[in-house]
Amino acid sequence: MNTKVKPKRAKLLISCPEKPGIISTVTNFLLEHKANIVHFDQHTTDPQSGIFFMRIEFDLEDFDSAYEKIENDLNVLARDYALDWQLSSNERRKRMAIFVSKADHCLTELIWRWKSNEIAVDIPMVISNHPDLKEMVEGFGIPFYHIPLSQDTKEEAEQKALELLKDKVDFIVLARYMQILSPKFISHFPKQIINIHHSFLPAFVGANPYVRAFNRGVKLIGATAHYVTNDLDEGPIIEQDVQRINHRYTAADLKTAGRHVEKRVLAEAVSWHVEDKVLVHGNKTIVFA
């Protein structure tokens, strides 16, 4: 959880081809910049010829100047060792836009965790294709934008959304936003759009999945949070969870249980994204949770 965020702390994510000495190279680099390492995680896909992943949290005394120098010097290190890297600071909170339709369970969970500082972000806006949640959202002091959308107006609606989002957000969460984003829209936020859906896919695609699952007598329900790509609901998975059910559950009970799983899974995925604990590798993720 992010309830005790250290303001003078930085996080470094690295991926590169596996090679001997990379850990000592990076840690010595940070030592030379007077960084105090407080958390360290690593993973390799293959010790001989795989891809190496690393996440490091560290504190700095003279934060602003030291952070800038590390950022500049990482470019040199990256050239020498073929590193892909991402450096972030707790000094700057990420800005999260939320897209929602009518269902409010995922939205309210995110707002509650934001309000309690369990997810340390700013929420510049909520965008919806329906006006239903306007009063609730604005009650928390969050700007709400209703952008009606139909098959004929989809391109225009997405353009309006992009204009609202420009230079104001770092990533987007689809909190049960019941619309498919176009490849053009997705291209503006690569690996920065998080979606949630029930785990009945691909068995129960489309409307009323819980009713159809009930009719089939399913014994497990769950949810999947993933990054959005052009392949519908097939992007890199960040988090999943399930709940066992039985014959006593009605279709309404399944839907209620499903909502609980969905909001929990989405909130966890968003937390890990905000805390820079997720590295994308192809269509998979490395999650240092």
C-alpha atoms as a PDB file:
ATOM      1  CA  MET A   1       0.000   0.000   0.000  1.00  0.00           C
ATOM      2  CA  ASN A   2       1.020   3.595  -0.528  1.00  0.00           C
ATOM      3  CA  THR A   3      -0.226   5.045   2.768  1.00  0.00           C
ATOM      4  CA  LYS A   4       3.332   6.000   3.779  1.00  0.00           C
ATOM      5  CA  VAL A   5       4.897   7.298   0.585  1.00  0.00           C
ATOM      6  CA  LYS A   6       8.475   8.493   1.051  1.00  0.00           C
ATOM      7  CA  PRO A   7       8.719  11.818  -0.826  1.00  0.00           C
ATOM      8  CA  LYS A   8      12.492  11.723  -1.360  1.00  0.00           C
ATOM      9  CA  ARG A   9      12.490   8.265  -2.893  1.00  0.00           C
ATOM     10  CA  ALA A  10      13.136   7.239  -6.499  1.00  0.00           C
ATOM     11  CA  LYS A  11      12.397   4.023  -8.375  1.00  0.00           C
ATOM     12  CA  LEU A  12      14.420   2.538 -11.196  1.00  0.00           C
ATOM     13  CA  LEU A  13      13.101  -0.159 -13.522  1.00  0.00           C
ATOM     14  CA  ILE A  14      15.533  -1.897 -15.858  1.00  0.00           C
ATOM     15  CA  SER A  15      15.291  -4.617 -18.490  1.00  0.00           C
ATOM     16  CA  CYS A  16      18.179  -5.860 -20.612  1.00  0.00           C
ATOM     17  CA  PRO A  17      19.741  -9.003 -22.072  1.00  0.00           C
ATOM     18  CA  GLU A  18      21.039 -11.282 -19.318  1.00  0.00           C
ATOM     19  CA  LYS A  19      24.762 -10.894 -18.737  1.00  0.00           C
ATOM     20  CA  PRO A  20      27.157 -11.431 -15.808  1.00  0.00           C
ATOM     21  CA  GLY A  21      27.834  -8.398 -13.636  1.00  0.00           C
ATOM     22  CA  ILE A  22      24.738  -6.348 -14.450  1.00  0.00           C
ATOM     23  CA  ILE A  23      23.599  -6.228 -10.801  1.00  0.00           C
ATOM     24  CA  SER A  24      26.959  -4.992  -9.523  1.00  0.00           C
ATOM     25  CA  THR A  25      27.177  -2.498 -12.386  1.00  0.00           C
ATOM     26  CA  VAL A  26      23.834  -0.900 -11.551  1.00  0.00           C
ATOM     27  CA  THR A  27      24.241  -0.976  -7.762  1.00  0.00           C
ATOM     28  CA  ASN A  28      27.752   0.497  -8.005  1.00  0.00           C
ATOM     29  CA  PHE A  29      26.372   3.163 -10.320  1.00  0.00           C
ATOM     30  CA  LEU A  30      23.824   4.125  -7.675  1.00  0.00           C
ATOM     31  CA  LEU A  31      26.460   3.997  -4.932  1.00  0.00           C
ATOM     32  CA  GLU A  32      28.619   6.424  -6.899  1.00  0.00           C
ATOM     33  CA  HIS A  33      25.625   8.772  -6.963  1.00  0.00           C
ATOM     34  CA  LYS A  34      25.238   8.425  -3.157  1.00  0.00           C
ATOM     35  CA  ALA A  35      21.954   6.564  -3.392  1.00  0.00           C
ATOM     36  CA  ASN A  36      20.787   4.474  -0.444  1.00  0.00           C
ATOM     37  CA  ILE A  37      19.076   1.342  -1.805  1.00  0.00           C
ATOM     38  CA  VAL A  38      16.047   0.378   0.295  1.00  0.00           C
ATOM     39  CA  HIS A  39      14.302  -2.203  -1.935  1.00  0.00           C
ATOM     40  CA  PHE A  40      15.728  -4.483  -4.621  1.00  0.00           C
ATOM     41  CA  ASP A  41      13.989  -7.077  -6.818  1.00  0.00           C
ATOM     42  CA  GLN A  42      15.165  -9.020  -9.846  1.00  0.00           C
ATOM     43  CA  HIS A  43      14.044 -11.699 -12.270  1.00  0.00           C
ATOM     44  CA  THR A  44      15.512 -13.382 -15.326  1.00  0.00           C
ATOM     45  CA  THR A  45      13.685 -15.390 -17.965  1.00  0.00           C
ATOM     46  CA  ASP A  46      16.778 -17.556 -18.495  1.00  0.00           C
ATOM     47  CA  PRO A  47      20.098 -17.330 -16.573  1.00  0.00           C
ATOM     48  CA  GLN A  48      22.100 -18.045 -19.719  1.00  0.00           C
ATOM     49  CA  SER A  49      20.477 -16.122 -22.560  1.00  0.00           C
ATOM     50  CA  GLY A  50      17.256 -14.601 -21.259  1.00  0.00           C
ATOM     51  CA  ILE A  51      16.029 -11.127 -20.400  1.00  0.00           C
ATOM     52  CA  PHE A  52      16.950  -9.632 -17.039  1.00  0.00           C
ATOM     53  CA  PHE A  53      14.531  -7.433 -15.068  1.00  0.00           C
ATOM     54  CA  MET A  54      15.318  -5.282 -12.070  1.00  0.00           C
ATOM     55  CA  ARG A  55      13.435  -2.891  -9.793  1.00  0.00           C
ATOM     56  CA  ILE A  56      15.257  -0.722  -7.257  1.00  0.00           C
ATOM     57  CA  GLU A  57      13.953   1.843  -4.781  1.00  0.00           C
ATOM     58  CA  PHE A  58      16.477   4.243  -3.322  1.00  0.00           C
ATOM     59  CA  ASP A  59      16.698   7.418  -1.257  1.00  0.00           C
ATOM     60  CA  LEU A  60      18.811  10.467  -2.050  1.00  0.00           C
ATOM     61  CA  GLU A  61      19.986  13.213   0.291  1.00  0.00           C
ATOM     62  CA  ASP A  62      20.264  16.161  -2.093  1.00  0.00           C
ATOM     63  CA  PHE A  63      17.325  14.831  -4.031  1.00  0.00           C
ATOM     64  CA  ASP A  64      16.708  17.261  -6.893  1.00  0.00           C
ATOM     65  CA  SER A  65      20.287  17.638  -8.112  1.00  0.00           C
ATOM     66  CA  ALA A  66      21.182  13.973  -7.488  1.00  0.00           C
ATOM     67  CA  TYR A  67      18.058  12.745  -9.289  1.00  0.00           C
ATOM     68  CA  GLU A  68      18.811  14.883 -12.338  1.00  0.00           C
ATOM     69  CA  LYS A  69      22.404  13.657 -12.485  1.00  0.00           C
ATOM     70  CA  ILE A  70      21.319  10.000 -12.204  1.00  0.00           C
ATOM     71  CA  GLU A  71      18.806  10.567 -14.983  1.00  0.00           C
ATOM     72  CA  ASN A  72      21.465  12.055 -17.259  1.00  0.00           C
ATOM     73  CA  ASP A  73      24.114   9.457 -16.469  1.00  0.00           C
ATOM     74  CA  LEU A  74      21.689   6.568 -17.005  1.00  0.00           C
ATOM     75  CA  ASN A  75      21.678   7.431 -20.702  1.00  0.00           C
ATOM     76  CA  VAL A  76      25.398   6.644 -20.850  1.00  0.00           C
ATOM     77  CA  LEU A  77      25.016   3.441 -18.841  1.00  0.00           C
ATOM     78  CA  ALA A  78      22.132   2.355 -21.059  1.00  0.00           C
ATOM     79  CA  ARG A  79      24.229   2.699 -24.207  1.00  0.00           C
ATOM     80  CA  ASP A  80      27.048   0.648 -22.748  1.00  0.00           C
ATOM     81  CA  TYR A  81      24.863  -2.159 -21.416  1.00  0.00           C
ATOM     82  CA  ALA A  82      21.835  -2.107 -23.782  1.00  0.00           C
ATOM     83  CA  LEU A  83      19.478  -1.181 -20.953  1.00  0.00           C
ATOM     84  CA  ASP A  84      15.857  -0.178 -21.226  1.00  0.00           C
ATOM     85  CA  TRP A  85      15.169   1.900 -18.146  1.00  0.00           C
ATOM     86  CA  GLN A  86      12.523   3.965 -16.442  1.00  0.00           C
ATOM     87  CA  LEU A  87      13.237   6.337 -13.573  1.00  0.00           C
ATOM     88  CA  SER A  88      10.474   7.853 -11.461  1.00  0.00           C
ATOM     89  CA  SER A  89      10.189   9.882  -8.294  1.00  0.00           C
ATOM     90  CA  ASN A  90       7.680   9.993  -5.459  1.00  0.00           C
ATOM     91  CA  GLU A  91       8.056  13.766  -5.673  1.00  0.00           C
ATOM     92  CA  ARG A  92       5.749  13.706  -8.692  1.00  0.00           C
ATOM     93  CA  ARG A  93       2.393  11.963  -8.337  1.00  0.00           C
ATOM     94  CA  LYS A  94       1.043  10.189 -11.392  1.00  0.00           C
ATOM     95  CA  ARG A  95      -2.148  11.598 -12.904  1.00  0.00           C
ATOM     96  CA  MET A  96      -4.921   9.059 -13.493  1.00  0.00           C
ATOM     97  CA  ALA A  97      -7.983   9.572 -15.672  1.00  0.00           C
ATOM     98  CA  ILE A  98     -10.893   7.199 -15.121  1.00  0.00           C
ATOM     99  CA  PHE A  99     -13.288   6.148 -17.884  1.00  0.00           C
ATOM    100  CA  VAL A 100     -16.607   4.707 -16.724  1.00  0.00           C
ATOM    101  CA  SER A 101     -20.085   3.926 -18.058  1.00  0.00           C
ATOM    102  CA  LYS A 102     -22.928   3.225 -15.606  1.00  0.00           C
ATOM    103  CA  ALA A 103     -21.580   0.598 -13.173  1.00  0.00           C
ATOM    104  CA  ASP A 104     -19.936   2.376 -10.248  1.00  0.00           C
ATOM    105  CA  HIS A 105     -18.293  -0.381  -8.176  1.00  0.00           C
ATOM    106  CA  CYS A 106     -14.791  -0.104  -9.684  1.00  0.00           C
ATOM    107  CA  LEU A 107     -14.964   3.688  -9.807  1.00  0.00           C
ATOM    108  CA  THR A 108     -15.960   4.043  -6.153  1.00  0.00           C
ATOM    109  CA  GLU A 109     -13.218   1.620  -5.074  1.00  0.00           C
ATOM    110  CA  LEU A 110     -10.577   3.664  -6.903  1.00  0.00           C
ATOM    111  CA  ILE A 111     -11.903   6.930  -5.466  1.00  0.00           C
ATOM    112  CA  TRP A 112     -12.002   5.462  -1.955  1.00  0.00           C
ATOM    113  CA  ARG A 113      -8.399   4.278  -2.203  1.00  0.00           C
ATOM    114  CA  TRP A 114      -7.374   7.631  -3.677  1.00  0.00           C
ATOM    115  CA  LYS A 115      -9.152   9.467  -0.862  1.00  0.00           C
ATOM    116  CA  SER A 116      -7.409   7.355   1.784  1.00  0.00           C
ATOM    117  CA  ASN A 117      -4.067   7.740  -0.043  1.00  0.00           C
ATOM    118  CA  GLU A 118      -3.740   3.995  -0.563  1.00  0.00           C
ATOM    119  CA  ILE A 119      -3.286   4.846  -4.241  1.00  0.00           C
ATOM    120  CA  ALA A 120      -1.128   7.956  -4.323  1.00  0.00           C
ATOM    121  CA  VAL A 121      -2.311   9.614  -7.531  1.00  0.00           C
ATOM    122  CA  ASP A 122      -4.072  12.736  -8.708  1.00  0.00           C
ATOM    123  CA  ILE A 123      -7.374  12.306 -10.564  1.00  0.00           C
ATOM    124  CA  PRO A 124      -7.735  15.225 -12.990  1.00  0.00           C
ATOM    125  CA  MET A 125     -10.940  13.875 -14.511  1.00  0.00           C
ATOM    126  CA  VAL A 126     -13.526  11.160 -14.924  1.00  0.00           C
ATOM    127  CA  ILE A 127     -14.913  10.674 -18.432  1.00  0.00           C
ATOM    128  CA  SER A 128     -18.137   8.802 -19.127  1.00  0.00           C
ATOM    129  CA  ASN A 129     -20.422   8.039 -22.041  1.00  0.00           C
ATOM    130  CA  HIS A 130     -23.366   8.388 -19.616  1.00  0.00           C
ATOM    131  CA  PRO A 131     -24.258  11.208 -17.176  1.00  0.00           C
ATOM    132  CA  ASP A 132     -25.416   8.909 -14.346  1.00  0.00           C
ATOM    133  CA  LEU A 133     -22.341   9.222 -12.075  1.00  0.00           C
ATOM    134  CA  LYS A 134     -21.769  12.951 -12.471  1.00  0.00           C
ATOM    135  CA  GLU A 135     -23.147  13.989  -9.073  1.00  0.00           C
ATOM    136  CA  MET A 136     -21.252  11.304  -7.199  1.00  0.00           C
ATOM    137  CA  VAL A 137     -17.924  12.080  -8.861  1.00  0.00           C
ATOM    138  CA  GLU A 138     -18.215  15.852  -8.496  1.00  0.00           C
ATOM    139  CA  GLY A 139     -19.100  15.339  -4.836  1.00  0.00           C
ATOM    140  CA  PHE A 140     -15.452  14.326  -4.366  1.00  0.00           C
ATOM    141  CA  GLY A 141     -14.235  17.454  -6.160  1.00  0.00           C
ATOM    142  CA  ILE A 142     -13.234  15.540  -9.292  1.00  0.00           C
ATOM    143  CA  PRO A 143     -14.154  17.043 -12.698  1.00  0.00           C
ATOM    144  CA  PHE A 144     -16.663  14.897 -14.587  1.00  0.00           C
ATOM    145  CA  TYR A 145     -17.046  15.009 -18.370  1.00  0.00           C
ATOM    146  CA  HIS A 146     -19.969  13.422 -20.165  1.00  0.00           C
ATOM    147  CA  ILE A 147     -19.107  12.565 -23.764  1.00  0.00           C
ATOM    148  CA  PRO A 148     -22.068  10.825 -25.451  1.00  0.00           C
ATOM    149  CA  LEU A 149     -20.994   8.096 -27.815  1.00  0.00           C
ATOM    150  CA  SER A 150     -22.684   6.123 -30.565  1.00  0.00           C
ATOM    151  CA  GLN A 151     -21.398   4.054 -33.456  1.00  0.00           C
ATOM    152  CA  ASP A 152     -21.700   7.095 -35.706  1.00  0.00           C
ATOM    153  CA  THR A 153     -19.996   9.519 -33.295  1.00  0.00           C
ATOM    154  CA  LYS A 154     -17.235   7.293 -31.892  1.00  0.00           C
ATOM    155  CA  GLU A 155     -14.358   8.996 -33.711  1.00  0.00           C
ATOM    156  CA  GLU A 156     -15.584  12.448 -32.705  1.00  0.00           C
ATOM    157  CA  ALA A 157     -16.113  11.360 -29.089  1.00  0.00           C
ATOM    158  CA  GLU A 158     -12.619   9.902 -28.830  1.00  0.00           C
ATOM    159  CA  GLN A 159     -11.143  13.099 -30.250  1.00  0.00           C
ATOM    160  CA  LYS A 160     -12.968  15.135 -27.589  1.00  0.00           C
ATOM    161  CA  ALA A 161     -11.592  12.820 -24.929  1.00  0.00           C
ATOM    162  CA  LEU A 162      -8.050  13.158 -26.275  1.00  0.00           C
ATOM    163  CA  GLU A 163      -8.335  16.931 -26.169  1.00  0.00           C
ATOM    164  CA  LEU A 164      -9.401  16.770 -22.525  1.00  0.00           C
ATOM    165  CA  LEU A 165      -6.610  14.356 -21.653  1.00  0.00           C
ATOM    166  CA  LYS A 166      -3.774  16.127 -23.471  1.00  0.00           C
ATOM    167  CA  ASP A 167      -0.919  17.017 -21.110  1.00  0.00           C
ATOM    168  CA  LYS A 168      -3.157  16.387 -18.084  1.00  0.00           C
ATOM    169  CA  VAL A 169      -2.870  12.638 -17.419  1.00  0.00           C
ATOM    170  CA  ASP A 170      -0.210   9.940 -17.347  1.00  0.00           C
ATOM    171  CA  PHE A 171      -2.431   6.882 -17.605  1.00  0.00           C
ATOM    172  CA  ILE A 172      -6.059   5.823 -17.966  1.00  0.00           C
ATOM    173  CA  VAL A 173      -8.145   3.288 -16.065  1.00  0.00           C
ATOM    174  CA  LEU A 174     -11.208   1.761 -17.703  1.00  0.00           C
ATOM    175  CA  ALA A 175     -13.408   1.191 -14.647  1.00  0.00           C
ATOM    176  CA  ARG A 176     -16.088  -0.859 -16.419  1.00  0.00           C
ATOM    177  CA  TYR A 177     -16.123   1.461 -19.406  1.00  0.00           C
ATOM    178  CA  MET A 178     -18.332  -0.455 -21.788  1.00  0.00           C
ATOM    179  CA  GLN A 179     -16.802   0.779 -25.036  1.00  0.00           C
ATOM    180  CA  ILE A 180     -14.003  -0.521 -27.235  1.00  0.00           C
ATOM    181  CA  LEU A 181     -11.211   1.989 -27.760  1.00  0.00           C
ATOM    182  CA  SER A 182      -9.876   2.457 -31.284  1.00  0.00           C
ATOM    183  CA  PRO A 183      -6.252   1.678 -32.205  1.00  0.00           C
ATOM    184  CA  LYS A 184      -5.770   5.397 -32.864  1.00  0.00           C
ATOM    185  CA  PHE A 185      -6.801   6.274 -29.310  1.00  0.00           C
ATOM    186  CA  ILE A 186      -4.718   3.478 -27.777  1.00  0.00           C
ATOM    187  CA  SER A 187      -1.630   4.669 -29.669  1.00  0.00           C
ATOM    188  CA  HIS A 188      -1.624   7.856 -27.559  1.00  0.00           C
ATOM    189  CA  PHE A 189      -1.238   5.827 -24.331  1.00  0.00           C
ATOM    190  CA  PRO A 190       0.821   2.686 -25.057  1.00  0.00           C
ATOM    191  CA  LYS A 191       0.975   0.412 -21.994  1.00  0.00           C
ATOM    192  CA  GLN A 192      -0.765   3.169 -20.058  1.00  0.00           C
ATOM    193  CA  ILE A 193      -4.410   2.044 -20.240  1.00  0.00           C
ATOM    194  CA  ILE A 194      -5.617  -0.501 -17.667  1.00  0.00           C
ATOM    195  CA  ASN A 195      -8.836  -2.449 -18.175  1.00  0.00           C
ATOM    196  CA  ILE A 196     -10.846  -4.852 -16.018  1.00  0.00           C
ATOM    197  CA  HIS A 197     -13.137  -7.621 -17.204  1.00  0.00           C
ATOM    198  CA  HIS A 198     -14.765 -10.729 -15.772  1.00  0.00           C
ATOM    199  CA  SER A 199     -12.914 -14.013 -16.134  1.00  0.00           C
ATOM    200  CA  PHE A 200     -15.648 -15.813 -18.087  1.00  0.00           C
ATOM    201  CA  LEU A 201     -13.992 -14.830 -21.356  1.00  0.00           C
ATOM    202  CA  PRO A 202     -13.868 -16.314 -23.905  1.00  0.00           C
ATOM    203  CA  ALA A 203     -16.669 -18.675 -22.847  1.00  0.00           C
ATOM    204  CA  PHE A 204     -19.309 -16.002 -22.204  1.00  0.00           C
ATOM    205  CA  VAL A 205     -18.651 -13.073 -24.525  1.00  0.00           C
ATOM    206  CA  GLY A 206     -21.122 -10.199 -24.732  1.00  0.00           C
ATOM    207  CA  ALA A 207     -24.153  -9.242 -22.674  1.00  0.00           C
ATOM    208  CA  ASN A 208     -25.351 -10.876 -19.434  1.00  0.00           C
ATOM    209  CA  PRO A 209     -22.319 -13.126 -18.827  1.00  0.00           C
ATOM    210  CA  TYR A 210     -23.327 -13.813 -15.212  1.00  0.00           C
ATOM    211  CA  VAL A 211     -26.755 -15.084 -16.235  1.00  0.00           C
ATOM    212  CA  ARG A 212     -25.242 -17.385 -18.829  1.00  0.00           C
ATOM    213  CA  ALA A 213     -22.584 -18.534 -16.348  1.00  0.00           C
ATOM    214  CA  PHE A 214     -25.334 -19.270 -13.834  1.00  0.00           C
ATOM    215  CA  ASN A 215     -27.201 -21.303 -16.431  1.00  0.00           C
ATOM    216  CA  ARG A 216     -24.052 -23.340 -17.071  1.00  0.00           C
ATOM    217  CA  GLY A 217     -23.487 -23.940 -13.345  1.00  0.00           C
ATOM    218  CA  VAL A 218     -19.985 -22.455 -13.143  1.00  0.00           C
ATOM    219  CA  LYS A 219     -18.071 -23.050  -9.930  1.00  0.00           C
ATOM    220  CA  LEU A 220     -15.475 -20.257 -10.138  1.00  0.00           C
ATOM    221  CA  ILE A 221     -15.829 -16.592 -11.011  1.00  0.00           C
ATOM    222  CA  GLY A 222     -13.087 -14.036 -11.225  1.00  0.00           C
ATOM    223  CA  ALA A 223     -11.627 -10.983 -12.891  1.00  0.00           C
ATOM    224  CA  THR A 224      -8.614  -9.978 -14.977  1.00  0.00           C
ATOM    225  CA  ALA A 225      -6.878  -6.599 -15.079  1.00  0.00           C
ATOM    226  CA  HIS A 226      -4.637  -5.994 -18.069  1.00  0.00           C
ATOM    227  CA  TYR A 227      -3.057  -3.344 -20.255  1.00  0.00           C
ATOM    228  CA  VAL A 228      -5.115  -2.441 -23.290  1.00  0.00           C
ATOM    229  CA  THR A 229      -3.814  -3.319 -26.750  1.00  0.00           C
ATOM    230  CA  ASN A 230      -5.411  -3.459 -30.175  1.00  0.00           C
ATOM    231  CA  ASP A 231      -6.302  -7.112 -29.513  1.00  0.00           C
ATOM    232  CA  LEU A 232      -9.517  -6.940 -27.496  1.00  0.00           C
ATOM    233  CA  ASP A 233      -9.064  -8.173 -23.899  1.00  0.00           C
ATOM    234  CA  GLU A 234      -5.772  -9.876 -24.797  1.00  0.00           C
ATOM    235  CA  GLY A 235      -3.243  -7.351 -23.490  1.00  0.00           C
ATOM    236  CA  PRO A 236      -0.539  -8.116 -20.894  1.00  0.00           C
ATOM    237  CA  ILE A 237      -2.180  -9.321 -17.673  1.00  0.00           C
ATOM    238  CA  ILE A 238      -1.322  -7.432 -14.486  1.00  0.00           C
ATOM    239  CA  GLU A 239      -3.523  -9.158 -11.895  1.00  0.00           C
ATOM    240  CA  GLN A 240      -6.202 -11.841 -11.627  1.00  0.00           C
ATOM    241  CA  ASP A 241      -8.245 -13.391  -8.852  1.00  0.00           C
ATOM    242  CA  VAL A 242     -11.087 -15.879  -8.457  1.00  0.00           C
ATOM    243  CA  GLN A 243     -13.832 -16.728  -5.993  1.00  0.00           C
ATOM    244  CA  ARG A 244     -15.364 -20.164  -5.551  1.00  0.00           C
ATOM    245  CA  ILE A 245     -19.137 -20.343  -5.766  1.00  0.00           C
ATOM    246  CA  ASN A 246     -21.716 -23.110  -5.473  1.00  0.00           C
ATOM    247  CA  HIS A 247     -25.260 -24.138  -6.349  1.00  0.00           C
ATOM    248  CA  ARG A 248     -26.739 -21.822  -3.717  1.00  0.00           C
ATOM    249  CA  TYR A 249     -25.689 -18.721  -5.655  1.00  0.00           C
ATOM    250  CA  THR A 250     -28.374 -17.084  -7.775  1.00  0.00           C
ATOM    251  CA  ALA A 251     -27.503 -15.154 -10.931  1.00  0.00           C
ATOM    252  CA  ALA A 252     -27.790 -11.956  -8.858  1.00  0.00           C
ATOM    253  CA  ASP A 253     -25.419 -13.409  -6.252  1.00  0.00           C
ATOM    254  CA  LEU A 254     -22.899 -14.202  -8.994  1.00  0.00           C
ATOM    255  CA  LYS A 255     -23.045 -10.625 -10.231  1.00  0.00           C
ATOM    256  CA  THR A 256     -22.527  -9.244  -6.726  1.00  0.00           C
ATOM    257  CA  ALA A 257     -19.587 -11.553  -6.060  1.00  0.00           C
ATOM    258  CA  GLY A 258     -18.160 -10.679  -9.475  1.00  0.00           C
ATOM    259  CA  ARG A 259     -18.279  -6.971  -8.688  1.00  0.00           C
ATOM    260  CA  HIS A 260     -16.312  -7.538  -5.490  1.00  0.00           C
ATOM    261  CA  VAL A 261     -13.601  -9.443  -7.337  1.00  0.00           C
ATOM    262  CA  GLU A 262     -13.474  -6.911 -10.179  1.00  0.00           C
ATOM    263  CA  LYS A 263     -12.990  -3.857  -7.977  1.00  0.00           C
ATOM    264  CA  ARG A 264     -10.351  -5.582  -5.859  1.00  0.00           C
ATOM    265  CA  VAL A 265      -8.350  -6.839  -8.834  1.00  0.00           C
ATOM    266  CA  LEU A 266      -8.493  -3.505 -10.647  1.00  0.00           C
ATOM    267  CA  ALA A 267      -7.419  -1.551  -7.574  1.00  0.00           C
ATOM    268  CA  GLU A 268      -4.441  -3.861  -7.031  1.00  0.00           C
ATOM    269  CA  ALA A 269      -3.369  -3.544 -10.669  1.00  0.00           C
ATOM    270  CA  VAL A 270      -3.638   0.240 -10.519  1.00  0.00           C
ATOM    271  CA  SER A 271      -1.645   0.326  -7.265  1.00  0.00           C
ATOM    272  CA  TRP A 272       1.178  -1.707  -8.785  1.00  0.00           C
ATOM    273  CA  HIS A 273       1.218   0.475 -11.889  1.00  0.00           C
ATOM    274  CA  VAL A 274       1.357   3.636  -9.782  1.00  0.00           C
ATOM    275  CA  GLU A 275       4.151   2.213  -7.642  1.00  0.00           C
ATOM    276  CA  ASP A 276       6.161   1.259 -10.763  1.00  0.00           C
ATOM    277  CA  LYS A 277       6.080  -2.424  -9.921  1.00  0.00           C
ATOM    278  CA  VAL A 278       5.119  -3.635 -13.408  1.00  0.00           C
ATOM    279  CA  LEU A 279       7.412  -4.292 -16.366  1.00  0.00           C
ATOM    280  CA  VAL A 280       5.916  -5.343 -19.696  1.00  0.00           C
ATOM    281  CA  HIS A 281       7.748  -8.019 -21.686  1.00  0.00           C
ATOM    282  CA  GLY A 282       6.055  -8.880 -24.950  1.00  0.00           C
ATOM    283  CA  ASN A 283       2.482  -9.788 -24.038  1.00  0.00           C
ATOM    284  CA  LYS A 284       3.362 -10.671 -20.453  1.00  0.00           C
ATOM    285  CA  THR A 285       4.196  -8.682 -17.351  1.00  0.00           C
ATOM    286  CA  ILE A 286       6.796  -8.965 -14.613  1.00  0.00           C
ATOM    287  CA  VAL A 287       5.107  -7.744 -11.413  1.00  0.00           C
ATOM    288  CA  PHE A 288       7.380  -7.025  -8.431  1.00  0.00           C
ATOM    289  CA  ALA A 289       4.503  -6.945  -5.942  1.00  0.00           C
END
